[in-house]
Each structure stands twice: as structure tokens, then as C-alpha cells.
C-alpha atoms as a PDB file:
ATOM      1  CA  MET A   1       6.276  -6.618  -3.558  1.00  0.00           C
ATOM      2  CA  PRO A   2       4.185  -9.786  -4.021  1.00  0.00           C
ATOM      3  CA  ALA A   3       4.836 -12.716  -1.727  1.00  0.00           C
ATOM      4  CA  ALA A   4       4.437 -15.272  -4.507  1.00  0.00           C
ATOM      5  CA  ALA A   5       4.666 -15.290  -8.286  1.00  0.00           C
ATOM      6  CA  SER A   6       1.906 -13.306  -9.968  1.00  0.00           C
ATOM      7  CA  PRO A   7      -0.225 -14.723 -12.812  1.00  0.00           C
ATOM      8  CA  TYR A   8       0.938 -12.482 -15.674  1.00  0.00           C
ATOM      9  CA  ALA A   9       2.099 -13.351 -19.169  1.00  0.00           C
ATOM     10  CA  TRP A  10       3.911 -11.470 -21.883  1.00  0.00           C
ATOM     11  CA  THR A  11       5.167 -12.056 -25.378  1.00  0.00           C
ATOM     12  CA  THR A  12       8.669 -13.128 -26.409  1.00  0.00           C
ATOM     13  CA  ALA A  13       9.426  -9.767 -27.999  1.00  0.00           C
ATOM     14  CA  ARG A  14      13.012  -8.517 -27.536  1.00  0.00           C
ATOM     15  CA  GLU A  15      12.159  -6.006 -24.829  1.00  0.00           C
ATOM     16  CA  TYR A  16      10.688  -8.771 -22.678  1.00  0.00           C
ATOM     17  CA  VAL A  17      13.605 -11.176 -22.893  1.00  0.00           C
ATOM     18  CA  SER A  18      16.343  -8.659 -22.177  1.00  0.00           C
ATOM     19  CA  GLU A  19      18.435  -9.328 -19.104  1.00  0.00           C
ATOM     20  CA  HIS A  20      17.412  -5.986 -17.598  1.00  0.00           C
ATOM     21  CA  PHE A  21      13.705  -6.777 -17.969  1.00  0.00           C
ATOM     22  CA  ARG A  22      14.063 -10.300 -16.600  1.00  0.00           C
ATOM     23  CA  ASN A  23      16.008  -9.011 -13.574  1.00  0.00           C
ATOM     24  CA  GLN A  24      13.399  -6.327 -12.886  1.00  0.00           C
ATOM     25  CA  VAL A  25      10.546  -8.840 -13.131  1.00  0.00           C
ATOM     26  CA  ARG A  26      12.365 -11.250 -10.843  1.00  0.00           C
ATOM     27  CA  PHE A  27      12.880  -8.402  -8.343  1.00  0.00           C
ATOM     28  CA  TRP A  28       9.134  -7.736  -8.362  1.00  0.00           C
ATOM     29  CA  GLY A  29       8.437 -11.399  -7.654  1.00  0.00           C
ATOM     30  CA  VAL A  30       6.682 -12.030 -10.976  1.00  0.00           C
ATOM     31  CA  GLU A  31       7.169 -15.394 -12.673  1.00  0.00           C
ATOM     32  CA  ALA A  32       7.636 -15.317 -16.445  1.00  0.00           C
ATOM     33  CA  SER A  33       4.912 -16.964 -18.503  1.00  0.00           C
ATOM     34  CA  TYR A  34       5.521 -16.351 -22.176  1.00  0.00           C
ATOM     35  CA  ALA A  35       2.807 -16.243 -24.813  1.00  0.00           C
ATOM     36  CA  PHE A  36       2.848 -18.799 -27.600  1.00  0.00           C
ATOM     37  CA  ILE A  37       4.000 -17.724 -31.050  1.00  0.00           C
ATOM     38  CA  GLU A  38       1.103 -17.233 -33.476  1.00  0.00           C
ATOM     39  CA  GLN A  39      -1.427 -17.480 -30.633  1.00  0.00           C
ATOM     40  CA  PRO A  40      -2.724 -13.880 -30.382  1.00  0.00           C
ATOM     41  CA  GLN A  41      -5.495 -14.791 -27.942  1.00  0.00           C
ATOM     42  CA  THR A  42      -2.865 -15.084 -25.188  1.00  0.00           C
ATOM     43  CA  ASN A  43      -2.361 -11.328 -25.440  1.00  0.00           C
ATOM     44  CA  GLY A  44      -5.983 -10.527 -26.191  1.00  0.00           C
ATOM     45  CA  VAL A  45      -6.981  -9.249 -22.751  1.00  0.00           C
ATOM     46  CA  ALA A  46      -4.255  -6.583 -22.738  1.00  0.00           C
ATOM     47  CA  GLU A  47      -4.972  -5.666 -26.357  1.00  0.00           C
ATOM     48  CA  ARG A  48      -8.684  -5.308 -25.613  1.00  0.00           C
ATOM     49  CA  PHE A  49      -8.008  -3.103 -22.586  1.00  0.00           C
ATOM     50  CA  PHE A  50      -5.851  -0.723 -24.667  1.00  0.00           C
ATOM     51  CA  ARG A  51      -8.479  -0.647 -27.411  1.00  0.00           C
ATOM     52  CA  THR A  52     -11.144   0.288 -24.840  1.00  0.00           C
ATOM     53  CA  LEU A  53      -8.845   2.908 -23.281  1.00  0.00           C
ATOM     54  CA  LYS A  54      -8.276   4.521 -26.690  1.00  0.00           C
ATOM     55  CA  GLU A  55     -11.978   4.440 -27.565  1.00  0.00           C
ATOM     56  CA  GLN A  56     -12.983   5.981 -24.241  1.00  0.00           C
ATOM     57  CA  ILE A  57     -10.402   8.725 -23.690  1.00  0.00           C
ATOM     58  CA  ILE A  58      -8.052   9.132 -26.637  1.00  0.00           C
ATOM     59  CA  HIS A  59      -9.947   9.085 -29.950  1.00  0.00           C
ATOM     60  CA  GLY A  60     -11.646  12.385 -30.758  1.00  0.00           C
ATOM     61  CA  ARG A  61     -10.028  14.306 -27.894  1.00  0.00           C
ATOM     62  CA  ILE A  62      -7.228  16.813 -27.735  1.00  0.00           C
ATOM     63  CA  TYR A  63      -5.154  17.109 -24.566  1.00  0.00           C
ATOM     64  CA  ARG A  64      -3.203  20.322 -24.087  1.00  0.00           C
ATOM     65  CA  THR A  65      -0.582  18.858 -21.763  1.00  0.00           C
ATOM     66  CA  VAL A  66       0.901  15.494 -20.888  1.00  0.00           C
ATOM     67  CA  ALA A  67      -0.321  16.033 -17.319  1.00  0.00           C
ATOM     68  CA  GLU A  68      -3.894  16.418 -18.617  1.00  0.00           C
ATOM     69  CA  LEU A  69      -3.562  13.171 -20.569  1.00  0.00           C
ATOM     70  CA  ARG A  70      -2.098  11.339 -17.573  1.00  0.00           C
ATOM     71  CA  GLU A  71      -4.981  12.572 -15.411  1.00  0.00           C
ATOM     72  CA  ALA A  72      -7.482  11.240 -17.975  1.00  0.00           C
ATOM     73  CA  VAL A  73      -5.709   7.849 -18.119  1.00  0.00           C
ATOM     74  CA  ASP A  74      -5.553   7.598 -14.307  1.00  0.00           C
ATOM     75  CA  ALA A  75      -9.249   8.430 -14.006  1.00  0.00           C
ATOM     76  CA  PHE A  76     -10.167   5.848 -16.668  1.00  0.00           C
ATOM     77  CA  VAL A  77      -8.034   3.126 -15.062  1.00  0.00           C
ATOM     78  CA  ASP A  78      -9.712   3.777 -11.709  1.00  0.00           C
ATOM     79  CA  LEU A  79     -13.158   3.678 -13.331  1.00  0.00           C
ATOM     80  CA  TYR A  80     -12.279   0.526 -15.266  1.00  0.00           C
ATOM     81  CA  ASN A  81     -10.864  -1.307 -12.250  1.00  0.00           C
ATOM     82  CA  GLU A  82     -13.749  -0.430  -9.922  1.00  0.00           C
ATOM     83  CA  GLN A  83     -16.869  -0.148 -12.088  1.00  0.00           C
ATOM     84  CA  TRP A  84     -16.331  -1.828 -15.481  1.00  0.00           C
ATOM     85  CA  LEU A  85     -18.080  -5.214 -15.595  1.00  0.00           C
ATOM     86  CA  PRO A  86     -16.514  -7.248 -18.441  1.00  0.00           C
ATOM     87  CA  GLU A  87     -18.231 -10.452 -19.479  1.00  0.00           C
ATOM     88  CA  LYS A  88     -14.927 -12.375 -19.293  1.00  0.00           C
ATOM     89  CA  ASN A  89     -14.883 -11.667 -15.531  1.00  0.00           C
ATOM     90  CA  GLY A  90     -18.413 -12.984 -15.032  1.00  0.00           C
ATOM     91  CA  PHE A  91     -19.628  -9.375 -14.985  1.00  0.00           C
ATOM     92  CA  MET A  92     -17.440  -8.559 -11.951  1.00  0.00           C
ATOM     93  CA  SER A  93     -15.116  -5.565 -11.890  1.00  0.00           C
ATOM     94  CA  PRO A  94     -11.394  -6.209 -12.385  1.00  0.00           C
ATOM     95  CA  SER A  95     -10.756  -5.258  -8.726  1.00  0.00           C
ATOM     96  CA  VAL A  96     -13.294  -7.787  -7.472  1.00  0.00           C
ATOM     97  CA  THR A  97     -11.976 -10.443  -9.892  1.00  0.00           C
ATOM     98  CA  ARG A  98      -8.405  -9.854  -8.733  1.00  0.00           C
ATOM     99  CA  ALA A  99      -9.348  -9.981  -5.035  1.00  0.00           C
ATOM    100  CA  SER A 100     -11.288 -13.193  -5.659  1.00  0.00           C
ATOM    101  CA  TRP A 101      -8.304 -14.807  -7.437  1.00  0.00           C
ATOM    102  CA  TYR A 102      -5.962 -13.918  -4.578  1.00  0.00           C
ATOM    103  CA  ALA A 103      -8.449 -15.178  -1.977  1.00  0.00           C
ATOM    104  CA  GLN A 104      -8.803 -18.506  -3.823  1.00  0.00           C
ATOM    105  CA  HIS A 105      -5.020 -18.883  -3.758  1.00  0.00           C
ATOM    106  CA  GLY A 106      -4.658 -17.903  -0.097  1.00  0.00           C
ATOM    107  CA  MET A 107      -2.835 -14.653  -0.833  1.00  0.00           C
ATOM    108  CA  GLU A 108      -3.452 -10.999  -0.066  1.00  0.00           C
ATOM    109  CA  VAL A 109      -4.091  -8.494  -2.852  1.00  0.00           C
ATOM    110  CA  ALA A 110      -0.943  -6.483  -3.586  1.00  0.00           C
ATOM    111  CA  ALA A 111      -1.364  -2.742  -3.108  1.00  0.00           C
END
């Protein structure tokens, strides 16, 4: 559980404003930061990640079991976090970018 509020944002869709969701987020120590209506760029990073995920491991492939699909997703997420070098991160991997953000704010990276 994080020691301080984490820098995440989400939309104002119903599932994110339900009491259950807000209680769960509060329990995790995450501070709500809602996206602005009609400002899609606030959700663009997440949308781009899912587009890349689909392009890399979903489109054009057939998985025989859910376990096989989960294994492919887990492997891609590990690859993405450790080796992908997006321009928006200054060509640093997401793991390095995250560690740098936490270090700048005097916090340890959550496991």
C-alpha cells in the first residue's frame, strides 16, 4: 500500500464514481484526480497503452485458453515496463520513469 497519494487519474464514468470504487481507491491510498469532460488527452496515455497491447499481442492471434492469453498479457506488460522506450518518457522505460518520479518526490517505488 502506498505511503502517499499516487499520481493517477481517471474519468468521471459511473464505475469510477461509485461508492464501492471510491472506498477501494481510498483504501489503496490513491487520491482521485478526475479527467476533464471533453478533454480526451487526459486519458490518452492509457488509451495508447491499450492500443499498443492490442497491436502487439491480440490482433491476428488466436489464444486457445484464457490462461494462454493471460500469460501473453503478463509477458507483454513485463516487456513494456522494462524495455519499451516511449518518447513521452524521454526514451526511458516506464519502470525507470516511475522510479525517477518517486525518487524526485522522496518516496519509494511501490512493489
